[in-house]
Amino acid sequence: MAIDQDLVYLTSDSHHGHNNIIKYSNRPFMNDYEQGIVDQYLSDPDNEEYESAYRLLRISPETVARHDEALIANWNAKVPQGASVYHLGDFCFDATKAAKIIDRLNGQIFFIRGNHDKNISQFQNKFGWVKDLYELKVSDPDAKHGTQGIVLCHYAMRVWNKSHHSNWMLHGHSHGSLEDLTNLLSFDVGVDCHNYTPLSYNDVKAIMKKKTWKPIDHHGR
């Protein structure tokens, strides 16, 4: 059964409570000292002194709290109550915090496991469901037969079910480091790529419209 497009939101890789991801992905929540170390390293990664300082840098609990609160605020400013949010993995690094954070977020969350979700069983009752992969159907009069199919997975794919029939594929995991191929109806919905905020279905649709799609898998034609 297809879901109403106005109810669909998607995101990935929030990494609540994960200090290292703030450093590694250069998320803009660090204090001046932390940001200075990161900027210095990024300016010359081959400099041994800069690399050592970067490797030894420990992100403060205050920065982690600032990061988490910003992501929660961004989510609730974008997602209305009653929406369905598809989170494509790596939600929270600290399982003890996860349930409390979920309770503060608008909408019902449907969860795709990521590689950092080993403790998901501790709070999976907070989600509509937990899966490794899901084929979402969204009601859209502009789509073929009025329904847009979307394959959801934490990891990117080159081909997927009905990719040759204009189904989309959305993923996370790569934190913006994976090249966005304009001829594939696929991209990273992780927060690092979208101003630390979930995307609506219409946001995704607008991005897909800019693609120059070329089917590369002809099975089933």
C-alpha atoms as a PDB file:
ATOM      1  CA  MET A   1       0.000   0.000   0.000  1.00  0.00           C
ATOM      2  CA  ALA A   2       1.370   3.426  -0.963  1.00  0.00           C
ATOM      3  CA  ILE A   3       1.804   6.097   1.696  1.00  0.00           C
ATOM      4  CA  ASP A   4       0.748   9.742   1.246  1.00  0.00           C
ATOM      5  CA  GLN A   5       3.747  11.717  -0.014  1.00  0.00           C
ATOM      6  CA  ASP A   6       3.078  14.573   2.421  1.00  0.00           C
ATOM      7  CA  LEU A   7       3.708  12.219   5.343  1.00  0.00           C
ATOM      8  CA  VAL A   8       7.113  10.927   4.193  1.00  0.00           C
ATOM      9  CA  TYR A   9      10.436  12.189   5.601  1.00  0.00           C
ATOM     10  CA  LEU A  10      13.862  10.597   5.288  1.00  0.00           C
ATOM     11  CA  THR A  11      17.244  10.941   6.949  1.00  0.00           C
ATOM     12  CA  SER A  12      20.300   8.975   8.058  1.00  0.00           C
ATOM     13  CA  ASP A  13      23.473   8.992  10.128  1.00  0.00           C
ATOM     14  CA  SER A  14      22.493  11.306  12.940  1.00  0.00           C
ATOM     15  CA  HIS A  15      25.068   9.618  15.212  1.00  0.00           C
ATOM     16  CA  HIS A  16      23.688  11.106  18.413  1.00  0.00           C
ATOM     17  CA  GLY A  17      26.221  10.855  21.245  1.00  0.00           C
ATOM     18  CA  HIS A  18      29.113  10.003  18.901  1.00  0.00           C
ATOM     19  CA  ASN A  19      32.006  12.375  19.614  1.00  0.00           C
ATOM     20  CA  ASN A  20      34.332  11.091  16.901  1.00  0.00           C
ATOM     21  CA  ILE A  21      31.840  11.575  14.060  1.00  0.00           C
ATOM     22  CA  ILE A  22      31.745  15.283  14.879  1.00  0.00           C
ATOM     23  CA  LYS A  23      35.489  15.412  14.313  1.00  0.00           C
ATOM     24  CA  TYR A  24      35.730  13.033  11.374  1.00  0.00           C
ATOM     25  CA  SER A  25      32.838  14.639   9.461  1.00  0.00           C
ATOM     26  CA  ASN A  26      33.813  18.177  10.539  1.00  0.00           C
ATOM     27  CA  ARG A  27      30.333  18.899  11.845  1.00  0.00           C
ATOM     28  CA  PRO A  28      29.897  22.581  12.734  1.00  0.00           C
ATOM     29  CA  PHE A  29      29.227  22.181  16.448  1.00  0.00           C
ATOM     30  CA  MET A  30      32.776  22.204  17.842  1.00  0.00           C
ATOM     31  CA  ASN A  31      34.198  24.864  20.123  1.00  0.00           C
ATOM     32  CA  ASP A  32      36.941  27.171  18.818  1.00  0.00           C
ATOM     33  CA  TYR A  33      39.777  24.994  20.101  1.00  0.00           C
ATOM     34  CA  GLU A  34      38.371  21.793  18.584  1.00  0.00           C
ATOM     35  CA  GLN A  35      37.565  23.455  15.282  1.00  0.00           C
ATOM     36  CA  GLY A  36      41.037  24.950  15.146  1.00  0.00           C
ATOM     37  CA  ILE A  37      42.694  21.532  15.481  1.00  0.00           C
ATOM     38  CA  VAL A  38      40.443  20.069  12.798  1.00  0.00           C
ATOM     39  CA  ASP A  39      40.924  22.996  10.406  1.00  0.00           C
ATOM     40  CA  GLN A  40      44.684  22.835  10.895  1.00  0.00           C
ATOM     41  CA  TYR A  41      44.764  19.138  10.058  1.00  0.00           C
ATOM     42  CA  LEU A  42      42.512  19.505   7.034  1.00  0.00           C
ATOM     43  CA  SER A  43      44.724  22.267   5.677  1.00  0.00           C
ATOM     44  CA  ASP A  44      47.726  19.908   5.588  1.00  0.00           C
ATOM     45  CA  PRO A  45      46.900  16.252   6.427  1.00  0.00           C
ATOM     46  CA  ASP A  46      50.483  15.186   5.694  1.00  0.00           C
ATOM     47  CA  ASN A  47      51.908  17.410   8.426  1.00  0.00           C
ATOM     48  CA  GLU A  48      52.881  15.026  11.232  1.00  0.00           C
ATOM     49  CA  GLU A  49      52.362  17.607  13.981  1.00  0.00           C
ATOM     50  CA  TYR A  50      48.862  18.478  12.710  1.00  0.00           C
ATOM     51  CA  GLU A  51      47.996  14.802  12.246  1.00  0.00           C
ATOM     52  CA  SER A  52      49.097  13.952  15.771  1.00  0.00           C
ATOM     53  CA  ALA A  53      47.064  16.786  17.308  1.00  0.00           C
ATOM     54  CA  TYR A  54      44.035  15.722  15.265  1.00  0.00           C
ATOM     55  CA  ARG A  55      44.383  12.074  16.248  1.00  0.00           C
ATOM     56  CA  LEU A  56      44.682  12.965  19.949  1.00  0.00           C
ATOM     57  CA  LEU A  57      41.771  15.422  19.894  1.00  0.00           C
ATOM     58  CA  ARG A  58      38.870  14.341  22.096  1.00  0.00           C
ATOM     59  CA  ILE A  59      35.594  16.118  21.437  1.00  0.00           C
ATOM     60  CA  SER A  60      34.113  17.496  24.657  1.00  0.00           C
ATOM     61  CA  PRO A  61      30.811  16.341  26.192  1.00  0.00           C
ATOM     62  CA  GLU A  62      29.563  19.926  25.825  1.00  0.00           C
ATOM     63  CA  THR A  63      30.130  19.769  22.072  1.00  0.00           C
ATOM     64  CA  VAL A  64      28.389  16.406  21.829  1.00  0.00           C
ATOM     65  CA  ALA A  65      25.400  17.814  23.732  1.00  0.00           C
ATOM     66  CA  ARG A  66      25.323  20.879  21.460  1.00  0.00           C
ATOM     67  CA  HIS A  67      25.442  18.612  18.404  1.00  0.00           C
ATOM     68  CA  ASP A  68      22.629  16.385  19.659  1.00  0.00           C
ATOM     69  CA  GLU A  69      20.367  19.278  20.626  1.00  0.00           C
ATOM     70  CA  ALA A  70      20.867  20.955  17.242  1.00  0.00           C
ATOM     71  CA  LEU A  71      19.900  17.787  15.368  1.00  0.00           C
ATOM     72  CA  ILE A  72      16.814  17.320  17.546  1.00  0.00           C
ATOM     73  CA  ALA A  73      15.768  20.946  16.986  1.00  0.00           C
ATOM     74  CA  ASN A  74      16.316  20.681  13.220  1.00  0.00           C
ATOM     75  CA  TRP A  75      14.277  17.470  13.063  1.00  0.00           C
ATOM     76  CA  ASN A  76      11.323  18.923  14.969  1.00  0.00           C
ATOM     77  CA  ALA A  77      11.379  22.157  12.967  1.00  0.00           C
ATOM     78  CA  LYS A  78      11.040  20.155   9.729  1.00  0.00           C
ATOM     79  CA  VAL A  79       9.000  17.066  10.613  1.00  0.00           C
ATOM     80  CA  PRO A  80       5.353  17.510  11.680  1.00  0.00           C
ATOM     81  CA  GLN A  81       3.633  15.322  14.209  1.00  0.00           C
ATOM     82  CA  GLY A  82       1.905  12.441  12.443  1.00  0.00           C
ATOM     83  CA  ALA A  83       4.607  12.067   9.785  1.00  0.00           C
ATOM     84  CA  SER A  84       6.436   8.844   8.958  1.00  0.00           C
ATOM     85  CA  VAL A  85      10.216   9.238   9.166  1.00  0.00           C
ATOM     86  CA  TYR A  86      12.467   6.645   7.540  1.00  0.00           C
ATOM     87  CA  HIS A  87      15.850   6.717   9.259  1.00  0.00           C
ATOM     88  CA  LEU A  88      18.470   4.831   7.258  1.00  0.00           C
ATOM     89  CA  GLY A  89      20.807   3.835  10.062  1.00  0.00           C
ATOM     90  CA  ASP A  90      23.417   4.959  12.586  1.00  0.00           C
ATOM     91  CA  PHE A  91      20.958   6.779  14.805  1.00  0.00           C
ATOM     92  CA  CYS A  92      22.677   6.906  18.173  1.00  0.00           C
ATOM     93  CA  PHE A  93      26.135   5.777  19.287  1.00  0.00           C
ATOM     94  CA  ASP A  94      25.066   5.619  22.957  1.00  0.00           C
ATOM     95  CA  ALA A  95      22.202   3.168  23.424  1.00  0.00           C
ATOM     96  CA  THR A  96      21.447   4.570  26.880  1.00  0.00           C
ATOM     97  CA  LYS A  97      20.512   7.915  25.285  1.00  0.00           C
ATOM     98  CA  ALA A  98      18.632   6.573  22.281  1.00  0.00           C
ATOM     99  CA  ALA A  99      15.213   5.969  23.818  1.00  0.00           C
ATOM    100  CA  LYS A 100      15.092   9.428  25.428  1.00  0.00           C
ATOM    101  CA  ILE A 101      16.053  11.102  22.161  1.00  0.00           C
ATOM    102  CA  ILE A 102      13.448   9.149  20.170  1.00  0.00           C
ATOM    103  CA  ASP A 103      10.749  10.294  22.610  1.00  0.00           C
ATOM    104  CA  ARG A 104      11.622  13.922  21.811  1.00  0.00           C
ATOM    105  CA  LEU A 105      11.369  13.573  18.024  1.00  0.00           C
ATOM    106  CA  ASN A 106       8.260  14.322  15.961  1.00  0.00           C
ATOM    107  CA  GLY A 107       6.671  11.596  13.877  1.00  0.00           C
ATOM    108  CA  GLN A 108       6.836   7.821  13.914  1.00  0.00           C
ATOM    109  CA  ILE A 109      10.263   6.463  13.006  1.00  0.00           C
ATOM    110  CA  PHE A 110      10.791   3.439  10.772  1.00  0.00           C
ATOM    111  CA  PHE A 111      14.352   2.243  11.056  1.00  0.00           C
ATOM    112  CA  ILE A 112      16.878   0.705   8.678  1.00  0.00           C
ATOM    113  CA  ARG A 113      19.867  -0.796  10.508  1.00  0.00           C
ATOM    114  CA  GLY A 114      23.314   0.732  10.013  1.00  0.00           C
ATOM    115  CA  ASN A 115      26.730  -0.590  10.985  1.00  0.00           C
ATOM    116  CA  HIS A 116      26.667   1.328  14.300  1.00  0.00           C
ATOM    117  CA  ASP A 117      23.275  -0.028  15.383  1.00  0.00           C
ATOM    118  CA  LYS A 118      24.404  -3.172  17.170  1.00  0.00           C
ATOM    119  CA  ASN A 119      22.366  -2.303  20.275  1.00  0.00           C
ATOM    120  CA  ILE A 120      19.176  -1.564  18.360  1.00  0.00           C
ATOM    121  CA  SER A 121      17.322  -4.384  20.133  1.00  0.00           C
ATOM    122  CA  GLN A 122      17.402  -2.374  23.370  1.00  0.00           C
ATOM    123  CA  PHE A 123      15.030   0.257  21.989  1.00  0.00           C
ATOM    124  CA  GLN A 124      13.518  -1.210  18.818  1.00  0.00           C
ATOM    125  CA  ASN A 125      10.045  -1.038  20.390  1.00  0.00           C
ATOM    126  CA  LYS A 126      10.311   2.734  19.915  1.00  0.00           C
ATOM    127  CA  PHE A 127      10.217   2.289  16.123  1.00  0.00           C
ATOM    128  CA  GLY A 128       7.397   1.323  13.781  1.00  0.00           C
ATOM    129  CA  TRP A 129       9.678  -1.446  12.551  1.00  0.00           C
ATOM    130  CA  VAL A 130      13.381  -2.270  12.197  1.00  0.00           C
ATOM    131  CA  LYS A 131      14.696  -3.772   8.945  1.00  0.00           C
ATOM    132  CA  ASP A 132      17.894  -4.098   6.928  1.00  0.00           C
ATOM    133  CA  LEU A 133      16.243  -3.055   3.657  1.00  0.00           C
ATOM    134  CA  TYR A 134      12.801  -1.798   2.718  1.00  0.00           C
ATOM    135  CA  GLU A 135      10.955  -1.044  -0.507  1.00  0.00           C
ATOM    136  CA  LEU A 136       8.798   1.991   0.198  1.00  0.00           C
ATOM    137  CA  LYS A 137       5.827   2.906  -2.016  1.00  0.00           C
ATOM    138  CA  VAL A 138       4.750   6.542  -2.066  1.00  0.00           C
ATOM    139  CA  SER A 139       1.555   7.853  -3.612  1.00  0.00           C
ATOM    140  CA  ASP A 140       2.571  10.444  -6.225  1.00  0.00           C
ATOM    141  CA  PRO A 141       0.449  11.428  -9.256  1.00  0.00           C
ATOM    142  CA  ASP A 142       3.605  12.403 -11.134  1.00  0.00           C
ATOM    143  CA  ALA A 143       5.116   8.929 -10.800  1.00  0.00           C
ATOM    144  CA  LYS A 144       4.583   5.946 -13.074  1.00  0.00           C
ATOM    145  CA  HIS A 145       1.166   4.408 -12.285  1.00  0.00           C
ATOM    146  CA  GLY A 146       0.773   7.005  -9.517  1.00  0.00           C
ATOM    147  CA  THR A 147       3.230   5.297  -7.169  1.00  0.00           C
ATOM    148  CA  GLN A 148       6.925   6.008  -6.636  1.00  0.00           C
ATOM    149  CA  GLY A 149       8.964   3.043  -5.467  1.00  0.00           C
ATOM    150  CA  ILE A 150      11.990   3.744  -3.248  1.00  0.00           C
ATOM    151  CA  VAL A 151      14.541   1.183  -2.082  1.00  0.00           C
ATOM    152  CA  LEU A 152      15.878   2.134   1.360  1.00  0.00           C
ATOM    153  CA  CYS A 153      19.171   0.776   2.713  1.00  0.00           C
ATOM    154  CA  HIS A 154      21.995   2.048   4.883  1.00  0.00           C
ATOM    155  CA  TYR A 155      24.464   1.232   2.118  1.00  0.00           C
ATOM    156  CA  ALA A 156      24.550   2.590  -1.426  1.00  0.00           C
ATOM    157  CA  MET A 157      23.727   0.386  -4.411  1.00  0.00           C
ATOM    158  CA  ARG A 158      24.580   0.662  -8.097  1.00  0.00           C
ATOM    159  CA  VAL A 159      21.469  -1.281  -9.146  1.00  0.00           C
ATOM    160  CA  TRP A 160      18.379  -2.213  -7.148  1.00  0.00           C
ATOM    161  CA  ASN A 161      14.925  -3.675  -7.666  1.00  0.00           C
ATOM    162  CA  LYS A 162      13.219  -1.898 -10.590  1.00  0.00           C
ATOM    163  CA  SER A 163      16.045   0.610 -10.960  1.00  0.00           C
ATOM    164  CA  HIS A 164      15.488   0.177 -14.704  1.00  0.00           C
ATOM    165  CA  HIS A 165      11.840   1.227 -14.186  1.00  0.00           C
ATOM    166  CA  SER A 166      12.725   4.523 -12.453  1.00  0.00           C
ATOM    167  CA  ASN A 167      12.517   3.334  -8.852  1.00  0.00           C
ATOM    168  CA  TRP A 168      14.701   5.416  -6.550  1.00  0.00           C
ATOM    169  CA  MET A 169      17.374   4.232  -4.126  1.00  0.00           C
ATOM    170  CA  LEU A 170      18.208   6.193  -0.960  1.00  0.00           C
ATOM    171  CA  HIS A 171      21.054   5.421   1.425  1.00  0.00           C
ATOM    172  CA  GLY A 172      23.307   6.780   4.159  1.00  0.00           C
ATOM    173  CA  HIS A 173      26.661   5.575   5.522  1.00  0.00           C
ATOM    174  CA  SER A 174      29.018   7.596   3.310  1.00  0.00           C
ATOM    175  CA  HIS A 175      28.645  10.995   5.050  1.00  0.00           C
ATOM    176  CA  GLY A 176      28.876  12.792   1.718  1.00  0.00           C
ATOM    177  CA  SER A 177      32.172  11.167   0.729  1.00  0.00           C
ATOM    178  CA  LEU A 178      30.679   9.029  -2.035  1.00  0.00           C
ATOM    179  CA  GLU A 179      30.462  10.638  -5.463  1.00  0.00           C
ATOM    180  CA  ASP A 180      26.889  11.491  -6.420  1.00  0.00           C
ATOM    181  CA  LEU A 181      26.345   9.900  -9.838  1.00  0.00           C
ATOM    182  CA  THR A 182      23.931  12.096 -11.767  1.00  0.00           C
ATOM    183  CA  ASN A 183      22.797   9.241 -14.023  1.00  0.00           C
ATOM    184  CA  LEU A 184      21.536   7.174 -11.070  1.00  0.00           C
ATOM    185  CA  LEU A 185      18.257   7.850  -9.273  1.00  0.00           C
ATOM    186  CA  SER A 186      20.053   7.476  -5.959  1.00  0.00           C
ATOM    187  CA  PHE A 187      21.740   9.651  -3.344  1.00  0.00           C
ATOM    188  CA  ASP A 188      22.824   9.951   0.285  1.00  0.00           C
ATOM    189  CA  VAL A 189      20.113  11.291   2.617  1.00  0.00           C
ATOM    190  CA  GLY A 190      22.496  11.498   5.589  1.00  0.00           C
ATOM    191  CA  VAL A 191      22.472  14.634   7.712  1.00  0.00           C
ATOM    192  CA  ASP A 192      25.994  15.616   6.629  1.00  0.00           C
ATOM    193  CA  CYS A 193      24.671  16.169   3.104  1.00  0.00           C
ATOM    194  CA  HIS A 194      21.509  18.099   4.000  1.00  0.00           C
ATOM    195  CA  ASN A 195      22.267  20.709   6.652  1.00  0.00           C
ATOM    196  CA  TYR A 196      21.766  18.224   9.514  1.00  0.00           C
ATOM    197  CA  THR A 197      18.041  18.060   8.778  1.00  0.00           C
ATOM    198  CA  PRO A 198      15.652  15.378   7.468  1.00  0.00           C
ATOM    199  CA  LEU A 199      14.338  15.633   3.907  1.00  0.00           C
ATOM    200  CA  SER A 200      10.691  15.614   2.924  1.00  0.00           C
ATOM    201  CA  TYR A 201       9.537  13.439   0.047  1.00  0.00           C
ATOM    202  CA  ASN A 202       9.221  16.588  -2.067  1.00  0.00           C
ATOM    203  CA  ASP A 203      12.823  17.531  -1.216  1.00  0.00           C
ATOM    204  CA  VAL A 204      13.929  14.135  -2.499  1.00  0.00           C
ATOM    205  CA  LYS A 205      11.743  14.467  -5.582  1.00  0.00           C
ATOM    206  CA  ALA A 206      13.279  17.856  -6.422  1.00  0.00           C
ATOM    207  CA  ILE A 207      16.792  16.384  -6.222  1.00  0.00           C
ATOM    208  CA  MET A 208      15.818  13.402  -8.384  1.00  0.00           C
ATOM    209  CA  LYS A 209      14.371  15.723 -11.041  1.00  0.00           C
ATOM    210  CA  LYS A 210      17.855  17.173 -11.569  1.00  0.00           C
ATOM    211  CA  LYS A 211      19.300  13.741 -12.362  1.00  0.00           C
ATOM    212  CA  THR A 212      20.075  12.688 -15.919  1.00  0.00           C
ATOM    213  CA  TRP A 213      18.833   9.140 -15.459  1.00  0.00           C
ATOM    214  CA  LYS A 214      20.151   6.407 -17.712  1.00  0.00           C
ATOM    215  CA  PRO A 215      18.941   2.850 -16.947  1.00  0.00           C
ATOM    216  CA  ILE A 216      21.861   0.418 -16.777  1.00  0.00           C
ATOM    217  CA  ASP A 217      20.030  -2.748 -15.679  1.00  0.00           C
ATOM    218  CA  HIS A 218      17.570  -4.161 -18.207  1.00  0.00           C
ATOM    219  CA  HIS A 219      16.321  -7.247 -16.325  1.00  0.00           C
ATOM    220  CA  GLY A 220      12.630  -7.785 -16.626  1.00  0.00           C
ATOM    221  CA  ARG A 221      12.081  -5.656 -19.750  1.00  0.00           C
END
